[in-house]
Amino acid sequence: MQFPTLTSYLNWAKGHAPKGPFAFIFAQDDIELNHAVAHHIKLGFPQTVVLADPQLARPADLPAETAFVQRAAKSSADISQEMNAIISALPRQ
């Protein structure tokens, strides 16, 4: 699953994502990204979401059930705003 923005993912997730805790991985590059995703899936997270900088393409071998979201955060304040939006959109998840 690939989404052009965090908002588009959140709109989809409200009605389609599995229930339970989500794993959010903020990726600046693809080094060890597949390992990080596989680790979180192995831990049992029902939904693993990669939030990636726009220049990072979705790795071809990323598991299909992993949501891949393009986002252009530039600072830790942006990440905080994104997490607040996630928490508001997906309460108790």
PDB file of N, CA and C in Angstrom:
ATOM      1  N   MET A   1       0.845  -1.172   0.000  1.00  0.00           N
ATOM      2  CA  MET A   1       0.000   0.000   0.000  1.00  0.00           C
ATOM      3  C   MET A   1       0.889   1.233   0.000  1.00  0.00           C
ATOM      4  N   GLN A   2       0.605   2.149  -0.872  1.00  0.00           N
ATOM      5  CA  GLN A   2       1.371   3.382  -0.930  1.00  0.00           C
ATOM      6  C   GLN A   2       0.421   4.570  -0.896  1.00  0.00           C
ATOM      7  N   PHE A   3       0.809   5.596  -0.135  1.00  0.00           N
ATOM      8  CA  PHE A   3      -0.018   6.781   0.040  1.00  0.00           C
ATOM      9  C   PHE A   3       0.824   8.028  -0.216  1.00  0.00           C
ATOM     10  N   PRO A   4       0.267   9.014  -0.930  1.00  0.00           N
ATOM     11  CA  PRO A   4       1.040  10.208  -1.259  1.00  0.00           C
ATOM     12  C   PRO A   4       1.209  11.178  -0.087  1.00  0.00           C
ATOM     13  N   THR A   5       0.348  11.067   0.920  1.00  0.00           N
ATOM     14  CA  THR A   5       0.424  11.966   2.074  1.00  0.00           C
ATOM     15  C   THR A   5      -0.018  11.222   3.331  1.00  0.00           C
ATOM     16  N   LEU A   6       0.348  11.779   4.480  1.00  0.00           N
ATOM     17  CA  LEU A   6      -0.109  11.216   5.748  1.00  0.00           C
ATOM     18  C   LEU A   6      -1.629  11.318   5.851  1.00  0.00           C
ATOM     19  N   THR A   7      -2.198  12.408   5.398  1.00  0.00           N
ATOM     20  CA  THR A   7      -3.651  12.581   5.450  1.00  0.00           C
ATOM     21  C   THR A   7      -4.360  11.490   4.658  1.00  0.00           C
ATOM     22  N   SER A   8      -3.845  11.168   3.475  1.00  0.00           N
ATOM     23  CA  SER A   8      -4.494  10.120   2.673  1.00  0.00           C
ATOM     24  C   SER A   8      -4.403   8.766   3.377  1.00  0.00           C
ATOM     25  N   TYR A   9      -3.267   8.489   4.027  1.00  0.00           N
ATOM     26  CA  TYR A   9      -3.164   7.235   4.788  1.00  0.00           C
ATOM     27  C   TYR A   9      -4.152   7.224   5.945  1.00  0.00           C
ATOM     28  N   LEU A  10      -4.223   8.310   6.705  1.00  0.00           N
ATOM     29  CA  LEU A  10      -5.105   8.353   7.866  1.00  0.00           C
ATOM     30  C   LEU A  10      -6.563   8.204   7.453  1.00  0.00           C
ATOM     31  N   ASN A  11      -6.950   8.818   6.351  1.00  0.00           N
ATOM     32  CA  ASN A  11      -8.323   8.654   5.862  1.00  0.00           C
ATOM     33  C   ASN A  11      -8.602   7.199   5.521  1.00  0.00           C
ATOM     34  N   TRP A  12      -7.657   6.519   4.893  1.00  0.00           N
ATOM     35  CA  TRP A  12      -7.813   5.097   4.573  1.00  0.00           C
ATOM     36  C   TRP A  12      -7.840   4.263   5.852  1.00  0.00           C
ATOM     37  N   ALA A  13      -6.918   4.542   6.767  1.00  0.00           N
ATOM     38  CA  ALA A  13      -6.760   3.734   7.984  1.00  0.00           C
ATOM     39  C   ALA A  13      -7.990   3.768   8.874  1.00  0.00           C
ATOM     40  N   LYS A  14      -8.698   4.877   8.900  1.00  0.00           N
ATOM     41  CA  LYS A  14      -9.892   4.986   9.749  1.00  0.00           C
ATOM     42  C   LYS A  14     -10.910   3.896   9.437  1.00  0.00           C
ATOM     43  N   GLY A  15     -10.985   3.469   8.200  1.00  0.00           N
ATOM     44  CA  GLY A  15     -11.979   2.471   7.837  1.00  0.00           C
ATOM     45  C   GLY A  15     -11.427   1.119   7.434  1.00  0.00           C
ATOM     46  N   HIS A  16     -10.114   1.026   7.198  1.00  0.00           N
ATOM     47  CA  HIS A  16      -9.577  -0.199   6.630  1.00  0.00           C
ATOM     48  C   HIS A  16      -8.410  -0.836   7.392  1.00  0.00           C
ATOM     49  N   ALA A  17      -7.709  -0.080   8.184  1.00  0.00           N
ATOM     50  CA  ALA A  17      -6.541  -0.636   8.871  1.00  0.00           C
ATOM     51  C   ALA A  17      -6.973  -1.602   9.961  1.00  0.00           C
ATOM     52  N   PRO A  18      -6.152  -2.614  10.231  1.00  0.00           N
ATOM     53  CA  PRO A  18      -6.489  -3.558  11.294  1.00  0.00           C
ATOM     54  C   PRO A  18      -6.472  -2.868  12.651  1.00  0.00           C
ATOM     55  N   LYS A  19      -7.225  -3.418  13.583  1.00  0.00           N
ATOM     56  CA  LYS A  19      -7.242  -2.884  14.946  1.00  0.00           C
ATOM     57  C   LYS A  19      -5.985  -3.342  15.678  1.00  0.00           C
ATOM     58  N   GLY A  20      -5.579  -2.533  16.625  1.00  0.00           N
ATOM     59  CA  GLY A  20      -4.419  -2.895  17.421  1.00  0.00           C
ATOM     60  C   GLY A  20      -3.328  -1.854  17.319  1.00  0.00           C
ATOM     61  N   PRO A  21      -2.240  -2.037  18.006  1.00  0.00           N
ATOM     62  CA  PRO A  21      -1.169  -1.038  17.961  1.00  0.00           C
ATOM     63  C   PRO A  21      -0.499  -1.008  16.586  1.00  0.00           C
ATOM     64  N   PHE A  22      -0.113   0.177  16.174  1.00  0.00           N
ATOM     65  CA  PHE A  22       0.571   0.369  14.903  1.00  0.00           C
ATOM     66  C   PHE A  22       2.050   0.626  15.175  1.00  0.00           C
ATOM     67  N   ALA A  23       2.898   0.232  14.259  1.00  0.00           N
ATOM     68  CA  ALA A  23       4.315   0.588  14.307  1.00  0.00           C
ATOM     69  C   ALA A  23       4.545   1.646  13.244  1.00  0.00           C
ATOM     70  N   PHE A  24       5.090   2.777  13.630  1.00  0.00           N
ATOM     71  CA  PHE A  24       5.425   3.841  12.684  1.00  0.00           C
ATOM     72  C   PHE A  24       6.932   3.966  12.619  1.00  0.00           C
ATOM     73  N   ILE A  25       7.464   3.845  11.412  1.00  0.00           N
ATOM     74  CA  ILE A  25       8.904   3.939  11.182  1.00  0.00           C
ATOM     75  C   ILE A  25       9.146   5.183  10.336  1.00  0.00           C
ATOM     76  N   PHE A  26       9.905   6.120  10.871  1.00  0.00           N
ATOM     77  CA  PHE A  26      10.244   7.345  10.149  1.00  0.00           C
ATOM     78  C   PHE A  26      11.578   7.109   9.443  1.00  0.00           C
ATOM     79  N   ALA A  27      11.538   7.050   8.104  1.00  0.00           N
ATOM     80  CA  ALA A  27      12.720   6.677   7.323  1.00  0.00           C
ATOM     81  C   ALA A  27      13.273   7.869   6.554  1.00  0.00           C
ATOM     82  N   GLN A  28      14.583   8.094   6.715  1.00  0.00           N
ATOM     83  CA  GLN A  28      15.273   9.114   5.932  1.00  0.00           C
ATOM     84  C   GLN A  28      16.041   8.482   4.774  1.00  0.00           C
ATOM     85  N   ASP A  29      16.300   7.179   4.885  1.00  0.00           N
ATOM     86  CA  ASP A  29      16.961   6.440   3.817  1.00  0.00           C
ATOM     87  C   ASP A  29      16.493   4.997   3.884  1.00  0.00           C
ATOM     88  N   ASP A  30      16.926   4.191   2.920  1.00  0.00           N
ATOM     89  CA  ASP A  30      16.442   2.808   2.896  1.00  0.00           C
ATOM     90  C   ASP A  30      17.430   1.809   3.496  1.00  0.00           C
ATOM     91  N   ILE A  31      18.465   2.304   4.161  1.00  0.00           N
ATOM     92  CA  ILE A  31      19.437   1.423   4.798  1.00  0.00           C
ATOM     93  C   ILE A  31      18.760   0.684   5.947  1.00  0.00           C
ATOM     94  N   GLU A  32      18.757  -0.624   5.857  1.00  0.00           N
ATOM     95  CA  GLU A  32      18.159  -1.505   6.872  1.00  0.00           C
ATOM     96  C   GLU A  32      16.654  -1.314   7.036  1.00  0.00           C
ATOM     97  N   LEU A  33      16.010  -0.653   6.097  1.00  0.00           N
ATOM     98  CA  LEU A  33      14.568  -0.427   6.210  1.00  0.00           C
ATOM     99  C   LEU A  33      13.799  -1.740   6.210  1.00  0.00           C
ATOM    100  N   ASN A  34      14.152  -2.648   5.318  1.00  0.00           N
ATOM    101  CA  ASN A  34      13.454  -3.940   5.274  1.00  0.00           C
ATOM    102  C   ASN A  34      13.626  -4.702   6.582  1.00  0.00           C
ATOM    103  N   HIS A  35      14.828  -4.650   7.178  1.00  0.00           N
ATOM    104  CA  HIS A  35      15.048  -5.307   8.468  1.00  0.00           C
ATOM    105  C   HIS A  35      14.176  -4.689   9.555  1.00  0.00           C
ATOM    106  N   ALA A  36      14.101  -3.361   9.562  1.00  0.00           N
ATOM    107  CA  ALA A  36      13.293  -2.683  10.578  1.00  0.00           C
ATOM    108  C   ALA A  36      11.823  -3.067  10.434  1.00  0.00           C
ATOM    109  N   VAL A  37      11.330  -3.079   9.207  1.00  0.00           N
ATOM    110  CA  VAL A  37       9.932  -3.452   8.967  1.00  0.00           C
ATOM    111  C   VAL A  37       9.705  -4.903   9.372  1.00  0.00           C
ATOM    112  N   ALA A  38      10.582  -5.808   8.941  1.00  0.00           N
ATOM    113  CA  ALA A  38      10.435  -7.232   9.278  1.00  0.00           C
ATOM    114  C   ALA A  38      10.448  -7.438  10.791  1.00  0.00           C
ATOM    115  N   HIS A  39      11.288  -6.709  11.492  1.00  0.00           N
ATOM    116  CA  HIS A  39      11.362  -6.821  12.950  1.00  0.00           C
ATOM    117  C   HIS A  39      10.027  -6.434  13.592  1.00  0.00           C
ATOM    118  N   HIS A  40       9.420  -5.343  13.137  1.00  0.00           N
ATOM    119  CA  HIS A  40       8.155  -4.899  13.717  1.00  0.00           C
ATOM    120  C   HIS A  40       7.007  -5.842  13.369  1.00  0.00           C
ATOM    121  N   ILE A  41       7.031  -6.394  12.175  1.00  0.00           N
ATOM    122  CA  ILE A  41       6.016  -7.395  11.816  1.00  0.00           C
ATOM    123  C   ILE A  41       6.175  -8.626  12.699  1.00  0.00           C
ATOM    124  N   LYS A  42       7.419  -9.046  12.901  1.00  0.00           N
ATOM    125  CA  LYS A  42       7.685 -10.220  13.755  1.00  0.00           C
ATOM    126  C   LYS A  42       7.230  -9.972  15.198  1.00  0.00           C
ATOM    127  N   LEU A  43       7.332  -8.732  15.655  1.00  0.00           N
ATOM    128  CA  LEU A  43       6.876  -8.396  17.004  1.00  0.00           C
ATOM    129  C   LEU A  43       5.362  -8.480  17.134  1.00  0.00           C
ATOM    130  N   GLY A  44       4.653  -8.528  16.003  1.00  0.00           N
ATOM    131  CA  GLY A  44       3.208  -8.717  16.045  1.00  0.00           C
ATOM    132  C   GLY A  44       2.370  -7.469  15.819  1.00  0.00           C
ATOM    133  N   PHE A  45       2.978  -6.384  15.377  1.00  0.00           N
ATOM    134  CA  PHE A  45       2.183  -5.197  15.089  1.00  0.00           C
ATOM    135  C   PHE A  45       1.234  -5.498  13.934  1.00  0.00           C
ATOM    136  N   PRO A  46      -0.064  -5.260  14.114  1.00  0.00           N
ATOM    137  CA  PRO A  46      -1.021  -5.531  13.043  1.00  0.00           C
ATOM    138  C   PRO A  46      -0.833  -4.625  11.824  1.00  0.00           C
ATOM    139  N   GLN A  47      -0.284  -3.422  12.038  1.00  0.00           N
ATOM    140  CA  GLN A  47      -0.055  -2.484  10.934  1.00  0.00           C
ATOM    141  C   GLN A  47       1.309  -1.847  11.121  1.00  0.00           C
ATOM    142  N   THR A  48       2.150  -1.960  10.101  1.00  0.00           N
ATOM    143  CA  THR A  48       3.448  -1.291  10.096  1.00  0.00           C
ATOM    144  C   THR A  48       3.400  -0.224   9.020  1.00  0.00           C
ATOM    145  N   VAL A  49       3.757   0.999   9.407  1.00  0.00           N
ATOM    146  CA  VAL A  49       3.680   2.141   8.513  1.00  0.00           C
ATOM    147  C   VAL A  49       5.050   2.781   8.410  1.00  0.00           C
ATOM    148  N   VAL A  50       5.530   2.937   7.176  1.00  0.00           N
ATOM    149  CA  VAL A  50       6.786   3.634   6.930  1.00  0.00           C
ATOM    150  C   VAL A  50       6.441   5.032   6.449  1.00  0.00           C
ATOM    151  N   LEU A  51       6.921   6.031   7.163  1.00  0.00           N
ATOM    152  CA  LEU A  51       6.777   7.419   6.737  1.00  0.00           C
ATOM    153  C   LEU A  51       8.136   7.827   6.179  1.00  0.00           C
ATOM    154  N   ALA A  52       8.190   8.094   4.868  1.00  0.00           N
ATOM    155  CA  ALA A  52       9.465   8.272   4.183  1.00  0.00           C
ATOM    156  C   ALA A  52       9.584   9.645   3.545  1.00  0.00           C
ATOM    157  N   ASP A  53      10.804  10.145   3.532  1.00  0.00           N
ATOM    158  CA  ASP A  53      11.083  11.386   2.827  1.00  0.00           C
ATOM    159  C   ASP A  53      10.737  11.209   1.351  1.00  0.00           C
ATOM    160  N   PRO A  54      10.305  12.282   0.687  1.00  0.00           N
ATOM    161  CA  PRO A  54       9.829  12.166  -0.698  1.00  0.00           C
ATOM    162  C   PRO A  54      10.832  11.562  -1.680  1.00  0.00           C
ATOM    163  N   GLN A  55      12.121  11.756  -1.470  1.00  0.00           N
ATOM    164  CA  GLN A  55      13.106  11.225  -2.409  1.00  0.00           C
ATOM    165  C   GLN A  55      13.309   9.713  -2.265  1.00  0.00           C
ATOM    166  N   LEU A  56      12.757   9.125  -1.228  1.00  0.00           N
ATOM    167  CA  LEU A  56      12.903   7.692  -0.991  1.00  0.00           C
ATOM    168  C   LEU A  56      11.757   6.932  -1.647  1.00  0.00           C
ATOM    169  N   ALA A  57      12.094   6.075  -2.596  1.00  0.00           N
ATOM    170  CA  ALA A  57      11.081   5.249  -3.258  1.00  0.00           C
ATOM    171  C   ALA A  57      10.782   4.033  -2.393  1.00  0.00           C
ATOM    172  N   ARG A  58       9.578   3.523  -2.515  1.00  0.00           N
ATOM    173  CA  ARG A  58       9.203   2.318  -1.782  1.00  0.00           C
ATOM    174  C   ARG A  58      10.090   1.170  -2.261  1.00  0.00           C
ATOM    175  N   PRO A  59      10.814   0.511  -1.344  1.00  0.00           N
ATOM    176  CA  PRO A  59      11.624  -0.634  -1.749  1.00  0.00           C
ATOM    177  C   PRO A  59      10.746  -1.734  -2.349  1.00  0.00           C
ATOM    178  N   ALA A  60      11.200  -2.327  -3.440  1.00  0.00           N
ATOM    179  CA  ALA A  60      10.417  -3.341  -4.150  1.00  0.00           C
ATOM    180  C   ALA A  60      10.124  -4.552  -3.271  1.00  0.00           C
ATOM    181  N   ASP A  61      11.032  -4.885  -2.352  1.00  0.00           N
ATOM    182  CA  ASP A  61      10.847  -6.084  -1.539  1.00  0.00           C
ATOM    183  C   ASP A  61      10.239  -5.803  -0.167  1.00  0.00           C
ATOM    184  N   LEU A  62       9.682  -4.605   0.024  1.00  0.00           N
ATOM    185  CA  LEU A  62       8.974  -4.303   1.265  1.00  0.00           C
ATOM    186  C   LEU A  62       7.685  -5.120   1.291  1.00  0.00           C
ATOM    187  N   PRO A  63       7.347  -5.756   2.416  1.00  0.00           N
ATOM    188  CA  PRO A  63       6.116  -6.562   2.460  1.00  0.00           C
ATOM    189  C   PRO A  63       4.898  -5.765   2.002  1.00  0.00           C
ATOM    190  N   ALA A  64       4.038  -6.411   1.246  1.00  0.00           N
ATOM    191  CA  ALA A  64       2.870  -5.751   0.645  1.00  0.00           C
ATOM    192  C   ALA A  64       1.947  -5.130   1.683  1.00  0.00           C
ATOM    193  N   GLU A  65       1.846  -5.743   2.863  1.00  0.00           N
ATOM    194  CA  GLU A  65       0.930  -5.224   3.885  1.00  0.00           C
ATOM    195  C   GLU A  65       1.464  -3.980   4.599  1.00  0.00           C
ATOM    196  N   THR A  66       2.691  -3.591   4.302  1.00  0.00           N
ATOM    197  CA  THR A  66       3.286  -2.402   4.906  1.00  0.00           C
ATOM    198  C   THR A  66       2.784  -1.157   4.193  1.00  0.00           C
ATOM    199  N   ALA A  67       2.260  -0.213   4.953  1.00  0.00           N
ATOM    200  CA  ALA A  67       1.835   1.062   4.376  1.00  0.00           C
ATOM    201  C   ALA A  67       3.068   1.944   4.207  1.00  0.00           C
ATOM    202  N   PHE A  68       3.211   2.541   3.044  1.00  0.00           N
ATOM    203  CA  PHE A  68       4.345   3.411   2.729  1.00  0.00           C
ATOM    204  C   PHE A  68       3.791   4.794   2.433  1.00  0.00           C
ATOM    205  N   VAL A  69       4.153   5.769   3.266  1.00  0.00           N
ATOM    206  CA  VAL A  69       3.586   7.111   3.196  1.00  0.00           C
ATOM    207  C   VAL A  69       4.691   8.116   2.885  1.00  0.00           C
ATOM    208  N   GLN A  70       4.494   8.913   1.841  1.00  0.00           N
ATOM    209  CA  GLN A  70       5.428   9.996   1.528  1.00  0.00           C
ATOM    210  C   GLN A  70       5.156  11.160   2.471  1.00  0.00           C
ATOM    211  N   ARG A  71       6.228  11.714   3.050  1.00  0.00           N
ATOM    212  CA  ARG A  71       6.067  12.882   3.916  1.00  0.00           C
ATOM    213  C   ARG A  71       7.342  13.704   3.867  1.00  0.00           C
ATOM    214  N   ALA A  72       7.186  14.996   4.052  1.00  0.00           N
ATOM    215  CA  ALA A  72       8.310  15.910   3.885  1.00  0.00           C
ATOM    216  C   ALA A  72       8.684  16.616   5.183  1.00  0.00           C
ATOM    217  N   ALA A  73       8.712  15.894   6.278  1.00  0.00           N
ATOM    218  CA  ALA A  73       9.084  16.504   7.565  1.00  0.00           C
ATOM    219  C   ALA A  73      10.542  16.947   7.515  1.00  0.00           C
ATOM    220  N   LYS A  74      10.796  18.086   8.055  1.00  0.00           N
ATOM    221  CA  LYS A  74      12.153  18.637   8.042  1.00  0.00           C
ATOM    222  C   LYS A  74      12.790  18.687   9.426  1.00  0.00           C
ATOM    223  N   SER A  75      11.984  18.551  10.474  1.00  0.00           N
ATOM    224  CA  SER A  75      12.525  18.698  11.830  1.00  0.00           C
ATOM    225  C   SER A  75      11.767  17.790  12.795  1.00  0.00           C
ATOM    226  N   SER A  76      12.284  17.713  14.008  1.00  0.00           N
ATOM    227  CA  SER A  76      11.596  16.919  15.021  1.00  0.00           C
ATOM    228  C   SER A  76      10.237  17.530  15.359  1.00  0.00           C
ATOM    229  N   ALA A  77      10.086  18.832  15.194  1.00  0.00           N
ATOM    230  CA  ALA A  77       8.780  19.464  15.429  1.00  0.00           C
ATOM    231  C   ALA A  77       7.762  18.952  14.417  1.00  0.00           C
ATOM    232  N   ASP A  78       8.202  18.730  13.165  1.00  0.00           N
ATOM    233  CA  ASP A  78       7.303  18.174  12.143  1.00  0.00           C
ATOM    234  C   ASP A  78       6.871  16.762  12.534  1.00  0.00           C
ATOM    235  N   ILE A  79       7.798  15.973  13.041  1.00  0.00           N
ATOM    236  CA  ILE A  79       7.476  14.607  13.454  1.00  0.00           C
ATOM    237  C   ILE A  79       6.469  14.648  14.609  1.00  0.00           C
ATOM    238  N   SER A  80       6.661  15.561  15.529  1.00  0.00           N
ATOM    239  CA  SER A  80       5.706  15.698  16.638  1.00  0.00           C
ATOM    240  C   SER A  80       4.317  16.045  16.123  1.00  0.00           C
ATOM    241  N   GLN A  81       4.239  16.935  15.149  1.00  0.00           N
ATOM    242  CA  GLN A  81       2.943  17.297  14.574  1.00  0.00           C
ATOM    243  C   GLN A  81       2.315  16.101  13.862  1.00  0.00           C
ATOM    244  N   GLU A  82       3.132  15.326  13.154  1.00  0.00           N
ATOM    245  CA  GLU A  82       2.623  14.134  12.481  1.00  0.00           C
ATOM    246  C   GLU A  82       2.098  13.121  13.493  1.00  0.00           C
ATOM    247  N   MET A  83       2.843  12.885  14.553  1.00  0.00           N
ATOM    248  CA  MET A  83       2.397  11.934  15.570  1.00  0.00           C
ATOM    249  C   MET A  83       1.112  12.420  16.240  1.00  0.00           C
ATOM    250  N   ASN A  84       0.992  13.700  16.490  1.00  0.00           N
ATOM    251  CA  ASN A  84      -0.245  14.238  17.071  1.00  0.00           C
ATOM    252  C   ASN A  84      -1.414  14.026  16.127  1.00  0.00           C
ATOM    253  N   ALA A  85      -1.192  14.206  14.818  1.00  0.00           N
ATOM    254  CA  ALA A  85      -2.256  13.964  13.836  1.00  0.00           C
ATOM    255  C   ALA A  85      -2.652  12.484  13.821  1.00  0.00           C
ATOM    256  N   ILE A  86      -1.659  11.610  13.923  1.00  0.00           N
ATOM    257  CA  ILE A  86      -1.915  10.163  13.947  1.00  0.00           C
ATOM    258  C   ILE A  86      -2.732   9.798  15.182  1.00  0.00           C
ATOM    259  N   ILE A  87      -2.325  10.283  16.325  1.00  0.00           N
ATOM    260  CA  ILE A  87      -3.019   9.985  17.586  1.00  0.00           C
ATOM    261  C   ILE A  87      -4.455  10.493  17.531  1.00  0.00           C
ATOM    262  N   SER A  88      -4.664  11.678  16.989  1.00  0.00           N
ATOM    263  CA  SER A  88      -6.019  12.231  16.884  1.00  0.00           C
ATOM    264  C   SER A  88      -6.884  11.444  15.922  1.00  0.00           C
ATOM    265  N   ALA A  89      -6.301  11.015  14.799  1.00  0.00           N
ATOM    266  CA  ALA A  89      -7.078  10.307  13.778  1.00  0.00           C
ATOM    267  C   ALA A  89      -7.371   8.855  14.147  1.00  0.00           C
ATOM    268  N   LEU A  90      -6.480   8.252  14.931  1.00  0.00           N
ATOM    269  CA  LEU A  90      -6.608   6.831  15.253  1.00  0.00           C
ATOM    270  C   LEU A  90      -6.592   6.621  16.769  1.00  0.00           C
ATOM    271  N   PRO A  91      -7.585   7.144  17.479  1.00  0.00           N
ATOM    272  CA  PRO A  91      -7.576   7.006  18.942  1.00  0.00           C
ATOM    273  C   PRO A  91      -7.640   5.534  19.359  1.00  0.00           C
ATOM    274  N   ARG A  92      -6.966   5.263  20.453  1.00  0.00           N
ATOM    275  CA  ARG A  92      -6.952   3.919  21.055  1.00  0.00           C
ATOM    276  C   ARG A  92      -6.348   2.855  20.141  1.00  0.00           C
ATOM    277  N   GLN A  93      -5.553   3.263  19.207  1.00  0.00           N
ATOM    278  CA  GLN A  93      -4.873   2.312  18.334  1.00  0.00           C
ATOM    279  C   GLN A  93      -3.435   2.152  18.771  1.00  0.00           C
TER     280      GLN A  93
END
